[in-house]
Amino acid sequence: MEPEDLEQVVAHCERASDAVRRNVESALVRGRFAALDPAWDRLAAGRFDLEAALKLIAQTGEHPPALDISATLDRYAEEMGALLSGDRAFDVGLGILGEVLSRRHGLRGNAADYYAPENSYLDQVLASGRGIPISLCAVALLVGRRLELPVHGVGTPGHFLGFYGDVDLKIGNFFDPFDGFRRLTMGEVRVILAHFVETLEPEMLKPVSDREIAARFLRNLAGCYTRLNQPEQIRNLERWIRALNV
């Protein structure tokens, strides 16, 4: 459907019954996913690219892309690179990560509206500066990769964390993307996760794959749309999750 035709359909729906509006909204969701399904299937079946996946997920939302995700991440990486000046020490790099993402660009946790779907669309996160732990950590991951920095996503239950350093040698620091990319002690990690698990197991603190990160993005979105009673979104998101096979 051409954009101008779509606008007319949406405009007419404003005067239609609730049932008609729901049907049209469901059709629009199906159409968005159908247009992106081939690209998602290719991505899920081949070598997985987190940035490409999050850009596709962003296109499934109700609103058109708020900005160019890759160009914005490039700009953040350039700013970080200028501050690093060749010093990639773990403590220095993590501090500069927080300086650029949190203090310069205001990326922070959206505590006031935690379950808004926009917190899981990366373009909306970059545009508003607000997100949830995993979406904010994804920004750190993708910026860090542009500079070959040792940034990792840790799939801790209930509250996604980041790790900056050498995972195998266990040198470095956990950080909280939701709280200004703040460096965490192990004691602080335990306090955060005590809200979600009774016992902190070692495997909970291991980095997760890009495929697992994308699946958690989709599960978070499905949870948001469950709260909003939007079953068409949920059906399509669950289908994309199954395609990842994680």
C-alpha atoms as a PDB file:
ATOM      1  CA  MET A   1       0.000   0.000   0.000  1.00  0.00           C
ATOM      2  CA  GLU A   2       1.292   3.430  -0.926  1.00  0.00           C
ATOM      3  CA  PRO A   3       1.968   5.818   2.007  1.00  0.00           C
ATOM      4  CA  GLU A   4      -0.748   8.259   0.940  1.00  0.00           C
ATOM      5  CA  ASP A   5      -3.313   5.417   0.713  1.00  0.00           C
ATOM      6  CA  LEU A   6      -2.266   4.171   4.127  1.00  0.00           C
ATOM      7  CA  GLU A   7      -2.760   7.650   5.583  1.00  0.00           C
ATOM      8  CA  GLN A   8      -6.305   7.728   4.214  1.00  0.00           C
ATOM      9  CA  VAL A   9      -7.115   4.342   5.736  1.00  0.00           C
ATOM     10  CA  VAL A  10      -5.805   5.431   9.119  1.00  0.00           C
ATOM     11  CA  ALA A  11      -7.718   8.721   8.910  1.00  0.00           C
ATOM     12  CA  HIS A  12     -10.997   6.916   8.164  1.00  0.00           C
ATOM     13  CA  CYS A  13     -10.386   4.550  11.065  1.00  0.00           C
ATOM     14  CA  GLU A  14     -10.508   7.432  13.500  1.00  0.00           C
ATOM     15  CA  ARG A  15     -14.249   7.619  12.818  1.00  0.00           C
ATOM     16  CA  ALA A  16     -14.815   3.862  12.726  1.00  0.00           C
ATOM     17  CA  SER A  17     -15.950   1.482  15.430  1.00  0.00           C
ATOM     18  CA  ASP A  18     -13.509  -0.044  17.906  1.00  0.00           C
ATOM     19  CA  ALA A  19     -13.709  -3.412  16.136  1.00  0.00           C
ATOM     20  CA  VAL A  20     -12.848  -1.892  12.760  1.00  0.00           C
ATOM     21  CA  ARG A  21      -9.942   0.056  14.242  1.00  0.00           C
ATOM     22  CA  ARG A  22      -8.561  -3.095  15.868  1.00  0.00           C
ATOM     23  CA  ASN A  23      -8.803  -5.024  12.611  1.00  0.00           C
ATOM     24  CA  VAL A  24      -7.062  -2.287  10.646  1.00  0.00           C
ATOM     25  CA  GLU A  25      -4.336  -1.947  13.289  1.00  0.00           C
ATOM     26  CA  SER A  26      -3.756  -5.706  13.154  1.00  0.00           C
ATOM     27  CA  ALA A  27      -3.537  -5.584   9.371  1.00  0.00           C
ATOM     28  CA  LEU A  28      -0.974  -2.788   9.549  1.00  0.00           C
ATOM     29  CA  VAL A  29       1.139  -4.811  11.991  1.00  0.00           C
ATOM     30  CA  ARG A  30       0.947  -7.898   9.761  1.00  0.00           C
ATOM     31  CA  GLY A  31       1.953  -5.787   6.792  1.00  0.00           C
ATOM     32  CA  ARG A  32       4.997  -4.341   8.549  1.00  0.00           C
ATOM     33  CA  PHE A  33       6.229  -7.761   9.581  1.00  0.00           C
ATOM     34  CA  ALA A  34       5.454  -9.339   6.203  1.00  0.00           C
ATOM     35  CA  ALA A  35       7.611  -6.735   4.469  1.00  0.00           C
ATOM     36  CA  LEU A  36      10.516  -7.497   6.820  1.00  0.00           C
ATOM     37  CA  ASP A  37      10.102 -11.279   7.121  1.00  0.00           C
ATOM     38  CA  PRO A  38      12.458 -12.204   4.245  1.00  0.00           C
ATOM     39  CA  ALA A  39      15.275 -10.083   5.679  1.00  0.00           C
ATOM     40  CA  TRP A  40      14.717 -11.500   9.175  1.00  0.00           C
ATOM     41  CA  ASP A  41      14.681 -15.077   7.902  1.00  0.00           C
ATOM     42  CA  ARG A  42      17.956 -14.547   6.030  1.00  0.00           C
ATOM     43  CA  LEU A  43      19.535 -13.012   9.100  1.00  0.00           C
ATOM     44  CA  ALA A  44      18.314 -15.764  11.418  1.00  0.00           C
ATOM     45  CA  ALA A  45      19.491 -18.516   9.077  1.00  0.00           C
ATOM     46  CA  GLY A  46      22.977 -17.161   8.443  1.00  0.00           C
ATOM     47  CA  ARG A  47      25.777 -15.435  10.291  1.00  0.00           C
ATOM     48  CA  PHE A  48      23.969 -13.313  12.841  1.00  0.00           C
ATOM     49  CA  ASP A  49      24.495  -9.546  12.880  1.00  0.00           C
ATOM     50  CA  LEU A  50      23.171  -7.845  16.018  1.00  0.00           C
ATOM     51  CA  GLU A  51      23.102  -4.342  14.566  1.00  0.00           C
ATOM     52  CA  ALA A  52      21.205  -5.496  11.479  1.00  0.00           C
ATOM     53  CA  ALA A  53      18.775  -7.392  13.705  1.00  0.00           C
ATOM     54  CA  LEU A  54      18.058  -4.413  15.949  1.00  0.00           C
ATOM     55  CA  LYS A  55      17.534  -2.191  12.908  1.00  0.00           C
ATOM     56  CA  LEU A  56      14.954  -4.646  11.569  1.00  0.00           C
ATOM     57  CA  ILE A  57      13.224  -4.857  14.948  1.00  0.00           C
ATOM     58  CA  ALA A  58      13.051  -1.051  15.050  1.00  0.00           C
ATOM     59  CA  GLN A  59      11.165  -1.070  11.757  1.00  0.00           C
ATOM     60  CA  THR A  60       8.386  -3.255  13.184  1.00  0.00           C
ATOM     61  CA  GLY A  61       7.218  -0.501  15.530  1.00  0.00           C
ATOM     62  CA  GLU A  62       4.267   1.777  15.018  1.00  0.00           C
ATOM     63  CA  HIS A  63       6.377   4.843  14.281  1.00  0.00           C
ATOM     64  CA  PRO A  64       8.766   5.352  11.358  1.00  0.00           C
ATOM     65  CA  PRO A  65      12.484   5.261  12.227  1.00  0.00           C
ATOM     66  CA  ALA A  66      13.327   8.232  14.423  1.00  0.00           C
ATOM     67  CA  LEU A  67      16.917   8.488  13.158  1.00  0.00           C
ATOM     68  CA  ASP A  68      19.695   6.632  11.362  1.00  0.00           C
ATOM     69  CA  ILE A  69      20.886   4.067  13.918  1.00  0.00           C
ATOM     70  CA  SER A  70      24.241   3.280  12.309  1.00  0.00           C
ATOM     71  CA  ALA A  71      25.133   6.921  11.696  1.00  0.00           C
ATOM     72  CA  THR A  72      24.346   7.792  15.318  1.00  0.00           C
ATOM     73  CA  LEU A  73      26.468   4.915  16.623  1.00  0.00           C
ATOM     74  CA  ASP A  74      29.293   5.982  14.287  1.00  0.00           C
ATOM     75  CA  ARG A  75      29.169   9.471  15.767  1.00  0.00           C
ATOM     76  CA  TYR A  76      29.287   8.188  19.338  1.00  0.00           C
ATOM     77  CA  ALA A  77      32.248   5.960  18.441  1.00  0.00           C
ATOM     78  CA  GLU A  78      34.117   8.901  16.909  1.00  0.00           C
ATOM     79  CA  GLU A  79      33.641  10.879  20.123  1.00  0.00           C
ATOM     80  CA  MET A  80      34.860   7.978  22.224  1.00  0.00           C
ATOM     81  CA  GLY A  81      37.836   7.387  19.974  1.00  0.00           C
ATOM     82  CA  ALA A  82      38.917  11.007  20.293  1.00  0.00           C
ATOM     83  CA  LEU A  83      38.843  10.748  24.087  1.00  0.00           C
ATOM     84  CA  LEU A  84      40.613   7.398  24.264  1.00  0.00           C
ATOM     85  CA  SER A  85      43.705   8.684  22.432  1.00  0.00           C
ATOM     86  CA  GLY A  86      45.033   5.139  22.172  1.00  0.00           C
ATOM     87  CA  ASP A  87      44.520   4.267  25.854  1.00  0.00           C
ATOM     88  CA  ARG A  88      42.370   1.112  25.945  1.00  0.00           C
ATOM     89  CA  ALA A  89      42.910   0.260  29.616  1.00  0.00           C
ATOM     90  CA  PHE A  90      39.775  -1.275  31.096  1.00  0.00           C
ATOM     91  CA  ASP A  91      39.145   1.411  33.689  1.00  0.00           C
ATOM     92  CA  VAL A  92      39.805   4.250  31.244  1.00  0.00           C
ATOM     93  CA  GLY A  93      37.626   2.778  28.500  1.00  0.00           C
ATOM     94  CA  LEU A  94      34.653   2.165  30.753  1.00  0.00           C
ATOM     95  CA  GLY A  95      34.877   5.681  32.147  1.00  0.00           C
ATOM     96  CA  ILE A  96      34.901   7.190  28.663  1.00  0.00           C
ATOM     97  CA  LEU A  97      31.993   4.967  27.639  1.00  0.00           C
ATOM     98  CA  GLY A  98      29.950   6.472  30.453  1.00  0.00           C
ATOM     99  CA  GLU A  99      31.187   9.967  29.663  1.00  0.00           C
ATOM    100  CA  VAL A 100      30.041   9.854  26.045  1.00  0.00           C
ATOM    101  CA  LEU A 101      26.857   7.810  26.294  1.00  0.00           C
ATOM    102  CA  SER A 102      25.491   9.013  29.624  1.00  0.00           C
ATOM    103  CA  ARG A 103      26.864  12.448  30.351  1.00  0.00           C
ATOM    104  CA  ARG A 104      27.223  13.838  26.828  1.00  0.00           C
ATOM    105  CA  HIS A 105      24.207  12.213  25.201  1.00  0.00           C
ATOM    106  CA  GLY A 106      21.986  11.588  28.203  1.00  0.00           C
ATOM    107  CA  LEU A 107      21.357   7.874  27.711  1.00  0.00           C
ATOM    108  CA  ARG A 108      19.674   6.593  30.846  1.00  0.00           C
ATOM    109  CA  GLY A 109      17.118   4.172  32.182  1.00  0.00           C
ATOM    110  CA  ASN A 110      13.460   4.992  31.629  1.00  0.00           C
ATOM    111  CA  ALA A 111      12.288   4.285  35.164  1.00  0.00           C
ATOM    112  CA  ALA A 112       9.150   6.394  34.691  1.00  0.00           C
ATOM    113  CA  ASP A 113       7.804   4.264  31.815  1.00  0.00           C
ATOM    114  CA  TYR A 114       9.815   1.059  31.964  1.00  0.00           C
ATOM    115  CA  TYR A 115       7.375  -1.108  29.993  1.00  0.00           C
ATOM    116  CA  ALA A 116       6.873   1.233  27.043  1.00  0.00           C
ATOM    117  CA  PRO A 117       7.647  -0.579  23.758  1.00  0.00           C
ATOM    118  CA  GLU A 118       9.775   2.372  22.648  1.00  0.00           C
ATOM    119  CA  ASN A 119      12.411   1.307  25.183  1.00  0.00           C
ATOM    120  CA  SER A 120      13.171  -1.721  22.998  1.00  0.00           C
ATOM    121  CA  TYR A 121      13.343   0.011  19.604  1.00  0.00           C
ATOM    122  CA  LEU A 122      16.937   1.148  19.213  1.00  0.00           C
ATOM    123  CA  ASP A 123      16.130   4.195  17.068  1.00  0.00           C
ATOM    124  CA  GLN A 124      13.673   5.427  19.704  1.00  0.00           C
ATOM    125  CA  VAL A 125      16.202   4.788  22.482  1.00  0.00           C
ATOM    126  CA  LEU A 126      18.867   6.821  20.684  1.00  0.00           C
ATOM    127  CA  ALA A 127      16.411   9.608  19.853  1.00  0.00           C
ATOM    128  CA  SER A 128      14.887   9.931  23.331  1.00  0.00           C
ATOM    129  CA  GLY A 129      17.929   8.945  25.385  1.00  0.00           C
ATOM    130  CA  ARG A 130      15.793   6.535  27.406  1.00  0.00           C
ATOM    131  CA  GLY A 131      15.740   2.758  27.441  1.00  0.00           C
ATOM    132  CA  ILE A 132      15.883  -0.406  29.476  1.00  0.00           C
ATOM    133  CA  PRO A 133      19.076  -2.197  30.541  1.00  0.00           C
ATOM    134  CA  ILE A 134      19.413  -4.415  27.463  1.00  0.00           C
ATOM    135  CA  SER A 135      18.738  -1.693  24.886  1.00  0.00           C
ATOM    136  CA  LEU A 136      21.175   0.680  26.567  1.00  0.00           C
ATOM    137  CA  CYS A 137      23.764  -2.089  26.803  1.00  0.00           C
ATOM    138  CA  ALA A 138      23.267  -2.789  23.094  1.00  0.00           C
ATOM    139  CA  VAL A 139      24.286   0.799  22.365  1.00  0.00           C
ATOM    140  CA  ALA A 140      27.468   0.288  24.406  1.00  0.00           C
ATOM    141  CA  LEU A 141      28.156  -3.012  22.622  1.00  0.00           C
ATOM    142  CA  LEU A 142      27.740  -1.622  19.125  1.00  0.00           C
ATOM    143  CA  VAL A 143      29.740   1.519  19.842  1.00  0.00           C
ATOM    144  CA  GLY A 144      32.464  -0.535  21.506  1.00  0.00           C
ATOM    145  CA  ARG A 145      32.763  -2.856  18.524  1.00  0.00           C
ATOM    146  CA  ARG A 146      33.454   0.059  16.249  1.00  0.00           C
ATOM    147  CA  LEU A 147      36.532   0.766  18.370  1.00  0.00           C
ATOM    148  CA  GLU A 148      37.416  -2.885  19.090  1.00  0.00           C
ATOM    149  CA  LEU A 149      36.752  -2.354  22.787  1.00  0.00           C
ATOM    150  CA  PRO A 150      36.046  -5.359  25.057  1.00  0.00           C
ATOM    151  CA  VAL A 151      32.364  -4.645  25.763  1.00  0.00           C
ATOM    152  CA  HIS A 152      30.096  -7.628  26.451  1.00  0.00           C
ATOM    153  CA  GLY A 153      26.428  -8.139  27.237  1.00  0.00           C
ATOM    154  CA  VAL A 154      25.638 -10.266  30.295  1.00  0.00           C
ATOM    155  CA  GLY A 155      22.228 -11.917  30.314  1.00  0.00           C
ATOM    156  CA  THR A 156      21.577 -11.633  34.032  1.00  0.00           C
ATOM    157  CA  PRO A 157      17.980 -12.400  35.083  1.00  0.00           C
ATOM    158  CA  GLY A 158      15.668  -9.418  35.354  1.00  0.00           C
ATOM    159  CA  HIS A 159      18.321  -6.752  34.821  1.00  0.00           C
ATOM    160  CA  PHE A 160      20.712  -7.010  31.877  1.00  0.00           C
ATOM    161  CA  LEU A 161      24.270  -5.936  32.707  1.00  0.00           C
ATOM    162  CA  GLY A 162      27.397  -5.129  30.751  1.00  0.00           C
ATOM    163  CA  PHE A 163      30.983  -6.238  31.243  1.00  0.00           C
ATOM    164  CA  TYR A 164      34.028  -4.282  30.107  1.00  0.00           C
ATOM    165  CA  GLY A 165      37.227  -6.316  30.056  1.00  0.00           C
ATOM    166  CA  ASP A 166      38.643  -9.758  29.378  1.00  0.00           C
ATOM    167  CA  VAL A 167      35.945 -12.291  30.172  1.00  0.00           C
ATOM    168  CA  ASP A 168      38.213 -15.346  29.999  1.00  0.00           C
ATOM    169  CA  LEU A 169      40.801 -13.865  32.350  1.00  0.00           C
ATOM    170  CA  LYS A 170      38.076 -12.329  34.524  1.00  0.00           C
ATOM    171  CA  ILE A 171      39.769  -8.948  34.367  1.00  0.00           C
ATOM    172  CA  GLY A 172      37.528  -5.917  34.118  1.00  0.00           C
ATOM    173  CA  ASN A 173      34.288  -4.604  35.549  1.00  0.00           C
ATOM    174  CA  PHE A 174      30.564  -5.142  35.339  1.00  0.00           C
ATOM    175  CA  PHE A 175      28.579  -2.016  34.610  1.00  0.00           C
ATOM    176  CA  ASP A 176      24.931  -1.019  34.821  1.00  0.00           C
ATOM    177  CA  PRO A 177      23.655   0.472  31.540  1.00  0.00           C
ATOM    178  CA  PHE A 178      20.458   1.590  33.284  1.00  0.00           C
ATOM    179  CA  ASP A 179      22.374   3.711  35.775  1.00  0.00           C
ATOM    180  CA  GLY A 180      24.684   5.820  33.637  1.00  0.00           C
ATOM    181  CA  PHE A 181      26.889   2.860  32.611  1.00  0.00           C
ATOM    182  CA  ARG A 182      28.204   2.937  36.159  1.00  0.00           C
ATOM    183  CA  ARG A 183      30.989   0.554  37.178  1.00  0.00           C
ATOM    184  CA  LEU A 184      29.752  -2.075  39.642  1.00  0.00           C
ATOM    185  CA  THR A 185      31.462  -4.019  42.396  1.00  0.00           C
ATOM    186  CA  MET A 186      30.474  -7.669  42.805  1.00  0.00           C
ATOM    187  CA  GLY A 187      28.625  -6.667  45.931  1.00  0.00           C
ATOM    188  CA  GLU A 188      26.535  -4.202  43.950  1.00  0.00           C
ATOM    189  CA  VAL A 189      25.868  -6.845  41.282  1.00  0.00           C
ATOM    190  CA  ARG A 190      24.546  -9.176  43.978  1.00  0.00           C
ATOM    191  CA  VAL A 191      22.304  -6.441  45.401  1.00  0.00           C
ATOM    192  CA  ILE A 192      20.783  -5.689  41.979  1.00  0.00           C
ATOM    193  CA  LEU A 193      20.158  -9.334  41.140  1.00  0.00           C
ATOM    194  CA  ALA A 194      18.795 -10.206  44.579  1.00  0.00           C
ATOM    195  CA  HIS A 195      15.526  -8.609  43.432  1.00  0.00           C
ATOM    196  CA  PHE A 196      15.195 -11.298  40.742  1.00  0.00           C
ATOM    197  CA  VAL A 197      16.908 -14.485  41.965  1.00  0.00           C
ATOM    198  CA  GLU A 198      17.418 -16.122  45.336  1.00  0.00           C
ATOM    199  CA  THR A 199      20.815 -17.556  44.452  1.00  0.00           C
ATOM    200  CA  LEU A 200      23.315 -15.994  42.076  1.00  0.00           C
ATOM    201  CA  GLU A 201      24.772 -18.795  39.954  1.00  0.00           C
ATOM    202  CA  PRO A 202      28.087 -18.345  38.047  1.00  0.00           C
ATOM    203  CA  GLU A 203      26.468 -19.011  34.656  1.00  0.00           C
ATOM    204  CA  MET A 204      24.192 -16.012  35.188  1.00  0.00           C
ATOM    205  CA  LEU A 205      27.236 -13.759  34.917  1.00  0.00           C
ATOM    206  CA  LYS A 206      28.482 -15.077  31.586  1.00  0.00           C
ATOM    207  CA  PRO A 207      28.260 -12.992  28.370  1.00  0.00           C
ATOM    208  CA  VAL A 208      25.530 -14.002  25.938  1.00  0.00           C
ATOM    209  CA  SER A 209      25.561 -14.247  22.162  1.00  0.00           C
ATOM    210  CA  ASP A 210      24.166 -11.668  19.772  1.00  0.00           C
ATOM    211  CA  ARG A 211      21.407 -14.100  18.850  1.00  0.00           C
ATOM    212  CA  GLU A 212      20.415 -14.404  22.516  1.00  0.00           C
ATOM    213  CA  ILE A 213      20.431 -10.621  22.904  1.00  0.00           C
ATOM    214  CA  ALA A 214      18.078 -10.212  19.932  1.00  0.00           C
ATOM    215  CA  ALA A 215      15.775 -12.909  21.316  1.00  0.00           C
ATOM    216  CA  ARG A 216      15.608 -11.099  24.654  1.00  0.00           C
ATOM    217  CA  PHE A 217      14.773  -7.835  22.848  1.00  0.00           C
ATOM    218  CA  LEU A 218      11.871  -9.598  21.154  1.00  0.00           C
ATOM    219  CA  ARG A 219      10.681 -11.225  24.379  1.00  0.00           C
ATOM    220  CA  ASN A 220      10.729  -7.866  26.130  1.00  0.00           C
ATOM    221  CA  LEU A 221       8.655  -6.368  23.322  1.00  0.00           C
ATOM    222  CA  ALA A 222       6.204  -9.255  23.481  1.00  0.00           C
ATOM    223  CA  GLY A 223       5.830  -8.580  27.200  1.00  0.00           C
ATOM    224  CA  CYS A 224       5.161  -4.899  26.539  1.00  0.00           C
ATOM    225  CA  TYR A 225       2.487  -5.687  23.963  1.00  0.00           C
ATOM    226  CA  THR A 226       0.915  -8.243  26.297  1.00  0.00           C
ATOM    227  CA  ARG A 227       0.368  -5.400  28.752  1.00  0.00           C
ATOM    228  CA  LEU A 228      -1.141  -3.332  25.931  1.00  0.00           C
ATOM    229  CA  ASN A 229      -3.332  -6.225  24.734  1.00  0.00           C
ATOM    230  CA  GLN A 230      -1.988  -6.228  21.182  1.00  0.00           C
ATOM    231  CA  PRO A 231      -2.063  -9.898  20.150  1.00  0.00           C
ATOM    232  CA  GLU A 232      -1.013  -9.313  16.536  1.00  0.00           C
ATOM    233  CA  GLN A 233       2.275  -7.796  17.654  1.00  0.00           C
ATOM    234  CA  ILE A 234       2.809 -10.711  20.033  1.00  0.00           C
ATOM    235  CA  ARG A 235       2.150 -13.363  17.365  1.00  0.00           C
ATOM    236  CA  ASN A 236       4.636 -11.843  14.961  1.00  0.00           C
ATOM    237  CA  LEU A 237       7.291 -11.235  17.607  1.00  0.00           C
ATOM    238  CA  GLU A 238       7.015 -14.824  18.809  1.00  0.00           C
ATOM    239  CA  ARG A 239       7.418 -16.038  15.237  1.00  0.00           C
ATOM    240  CA  TRP A 240      10.636 -14.032  14.925  1.00  0.00           C
ATOM    241  CA  ILE A 241      11.856 -15.467  18.233  1.00  0.00           C
ATOM    242  CA  ARG A 242      11.293 -19.018  17.003  1.00  0.00           C
ATOM    243  CA  ALA A 243      13.289 -18.254  13.855  1.00  0.00           C
ATOM    244  CA  LEU A 244      16.342 -17.473  16.018  1.00  0.00           C
ATOM    245  CA  ASN A 245      16.325 -21.007  17.433  1.00  0.00           C
ATOM    246  CA  VAL A 246      17.775 -20.098  20.827  1.00  0.00           C
END
